[in-house]
Amino acid sequence: MTIILADKNVEGQAVLLLGTFNAAGWSELFPVRLVTFEETGIPFDSSDRMVWRFAQNNNMLLFTDNRNMKSEDSLEQTIRE
């Protein structure tokens, strides 16, 4: 099963996307579980680096839209390293 971590600002979109995914029958071929920051205990103000490491350490895909390369702990910078 694939676990998707939904960033705080895209939780609603993630739920809609997962609903469409399930309605199309894709979940039978590719089981997916959606988790939120609240469910995992990740603080909402966590750095991109901390969120990325948490997702990687727990074999999760990260669904986000606002992570950037504006600091040394940004998502893009973290991935590049």
C-alpha atoms as a PDB file:
ATOM      1  CA  MET A   1       0.000   0.000   0.000  1.00  0.00           C
ATOM      2  CA  THR A   2       1.190   3.477  -0.857  1.00  0.00           C
ATOM      3  CA  ILE A   3       0.827   6.116   1.846  1.00  0.00           C
ATOM      4  CA  ILE A   4       0.454   9.728   0.764  1.00  0.00           C
ATOM      5  CA  LEU A   5       1.229  12.505   3.241  1.00  0.00           C
ATOM      6  CA  ALA A   6      -0.952  15.516   2.443  1.00  0.00           C
ATOM      7  CA  ASP A   7       0.604  18.857   3.302  1.00  0.00           C
ATOM      8  CA  LYS A   8      -1.666  21.083   5.410  1.00  0.00           C
ATOM      9  CA  ASN A   9      -2.526  23.466   2.570  1.00  0.00           C
ATOM     10  CA  VAL A  10      -3.670  20.711   0.155  1.00  0.00           C
ATOM     11  CA  GLU A  11      -5.642  18.387   2.424  1.00  0.00           C
ATOM     12  CA  GLY A  12      -8.937  19.230   0.710  1.00  0.00           C
ATOM     13  CA  GLN A  13      -7.528  18.686  -2.762  1.00  0.00           C
ATOM     14  CA  ALA A  14      -5.919  15.423  -1.641  1.00  0.00           C
ATOM     15  CA  VAL A  15      -9.249  14.116  -0.356  1.00  0.00           C
ATOM     16  CA  LEU A  16     -10.950  15.037  -3.645  1.00  0.00           C
ATOM     17  CA  LEU A  17      -8.163  13.438  -5.684  1.00  0.00           C
ATOM     18  CA  LEU A  18      -8.277  10.255  -3.624  1.00  0.00           C
ATOM     19  CA  GLY A  19     -12.063  10.124  -3.959  1.00  0.00           C
ATOM     20  CA  THR A  20     -11.772  10.353  -7.738  1.00  0.00           C
ATOM     21  CA  PHE A  21      -9.027   7.726  -7.700  1.00  0.00           C
ATOM     22  CA  ASN A  22     -11.213   5.362  -5.671  1.00  0.00           C
ATOM     23  CA  ALA A  23     -14.372   6.046  -7.722  1.00  0.00           C
ATOM     24  CA  ALA A  24     -12.486   5.129 -10.900  1.00  0.00           C
ATOM     25  CA  GLY A  25     -11.574   1.769  -9.387  1.00  0.00           C
ATOM     26  CA  TRP A  26      -7.844   2.435  -9.320  1.00  0.00           C
ATOM     27  CA  SER A  27      -7.572   1.637  -5.622  1.00  0.00           C
ATOM     28  CA  GLU A  28      -8.132  -2.041  -6.395  1.00  0.00           C
ATOM     29  CA  LEU A  29      -4.968  -2.074  -8.508  1.00  0.00           C
ATOM     30  CA  PHE A  30      -2.983   0.459  -6.537  1.00  0.00           C
ATOM     31  CA  PRO A  31      -4.039   0.717  -2.870  1.00  0.00           C
ATOM     32  CA  VAL A  32      -3.486   4.187  -1.439  1.00  0.00           C
ATOM     33  CA  ARG A  33      -3.917   5.619   2.034  1.00  0.00           C
ATOM     34  CA  LEU A  34      -3.989   9.347   2.699  1.00  0.00           C
ATOM     35  CA  VAL A  35      -2.578  10.725   5.967  1.00  0.00           C
ATOM     36  CA  THR A  36      -2.435  14.283   7.273  1.00  0.00           C
ATOM     37  CA  PHE A  37       0.030  16.190   9.406  1.00  0.00           C
ATOM     38  CA  GLU A  38      -2.451  15.971  12.273  1.00  0.00           C
ATOM     39  CA  GLU A  39      -2.652  12.164  12.028  1.00  0.00           C
ATOM     40  CA  THR A  40       1.123  11.813  12.032  1.00  0.00           C
ATOM     41  CA  GLY A  41       1.791  14.412  14.712  1.00  0.00           C
ATOM     42  CA  ILE A  42       3.897  16.587  12.421  1.00  0.00           C
ATOM     43  CA  PRO A  43       3.633  20.234  13.537  1.00  0.00           C
ATOM     44  CA  PHE A  44       2.029  22.443  10.882  1.00  0.00           C
ATOM     45  CA  ASP A  45       4.977  24.850  10.975  1.00  0.00           C
ATOM     46  CA  SER A  46       7.611  22.156  10.345  1.00  0.00           C
ATOM     47  CA  SER A  47      10.420  22.962   7.953  1.00  0.00           C
ATOM     48  CA  ASP A  48      10.377  21.470   4.478  1.00  0.00           C
ATOM     49  CA  ARG A  49      13.456  19.448   5.411  1.00  0.00           C
ATOM     50  CA  MET A  50      11.742  17.890   8.424  1.00  0.00           C
ATOM     51  CA  VAL A  51       8.599  17.057   6.410  1.00  0.00           C
ATOM     52  CA  TRP A  52      10.631  15.503   3.576  1.00  0.00           C
ATOM     53  CA  ARG A  53      12.715  13.414   5.961  1.00  0.00           C
ATOM     54  CA  PHE A  54       9.610  12.227   7.791  1.00  0.00           C
ATOM     55  CA  ALA A  55       7.975  11.196   4.517  1.00  0.00           C
ATOM     56  CA  GLN A  56      11.135   9.434   3.313  1.00  0.00           C
ATOM     57  CA  ASN A  57      11.725   7.649   6.629  1.00  0.00           C
ATOM     58  CA  ASN A  58       8.142   6.362   6.562  1.00  0.00           C
ATOM     59  CA  ASN A  59       8.081   5.434   2.853  1.00  0.00           C
ATOM     60  CA  MET A  60       5.451   8.065   2.071  1.00  0.00           C
ATOM     61  CA  LEU A  61       4.784  10.157  -0.998  1.00  0.00           C
ATOM     62  CA  LEU A  62       4.470  13.868  -0.232  1.00  0.00           C
ATOM     63  CA  PHE A  63       1.551  15.766  -1.770  1.00  0.00           C
ATOM     64  CA  THR A  64       2.238  19.501  -1.514  1.00  0.00           C
ATOM     65  CA  ASP A  65       2.126  22.721  -3.474  1.00  0.00           C
ATOM     66  CA  ASN A  66       3.932  25.376  -1.479  1.00  0.00           C
ATOM     67  CA  ARG A  67       7.359  24.006  -0.726  1.00  0.00           C
ATOM     68  CA  ASN A  68      10.127  25.959  -2.480  1.00  0.00           C
ATOM     69  CA  MET A  69      13.845  26.776  -2.600  1.00  0.00           C
ATOM     70  CA  LYS A  70      13.832  29.977  -0.559  1.00  0.00           C
ATOM     71  CA  SER A  71      16.024  28.698   2.282  1.00  0.00           C
ATOM     72  CA  GLU A  72      18.601  26.061   3.124  1.00  0.00           C
ATOM     73  CA  ASP A  73      15.802  23.897   4.587  1.00  0.00           C
ATOM     74  CA  SER A  74      13.499  24.288   1.566  1.00  0.00           C
ATOM     75  CA  LEU A  75      12.081  21.191  -0.090  1.00  0.00           C
ATOM     76  CA  GLU A  76      13.899  21.708  -3.358  1.00  0.00           C
ATOM     77  CA  GLN A  77      17.218  22.325  -1.620  1.00  0.00           C
ATOM     78  CA  THR A  78      16.699  19.270   0.600  1.00  0.00           C
ATOM     79  CA  ILE A  79      15.941  17.034  -2.370  1.00  0.00           C
ATOM     80  CA  ARG A  80      18.977  18.334  -4.264  1.00  0.00           C
ATOM     81  CA  GLU A  81      21.214  17.431  -1.339  1.00  0.00           C
END
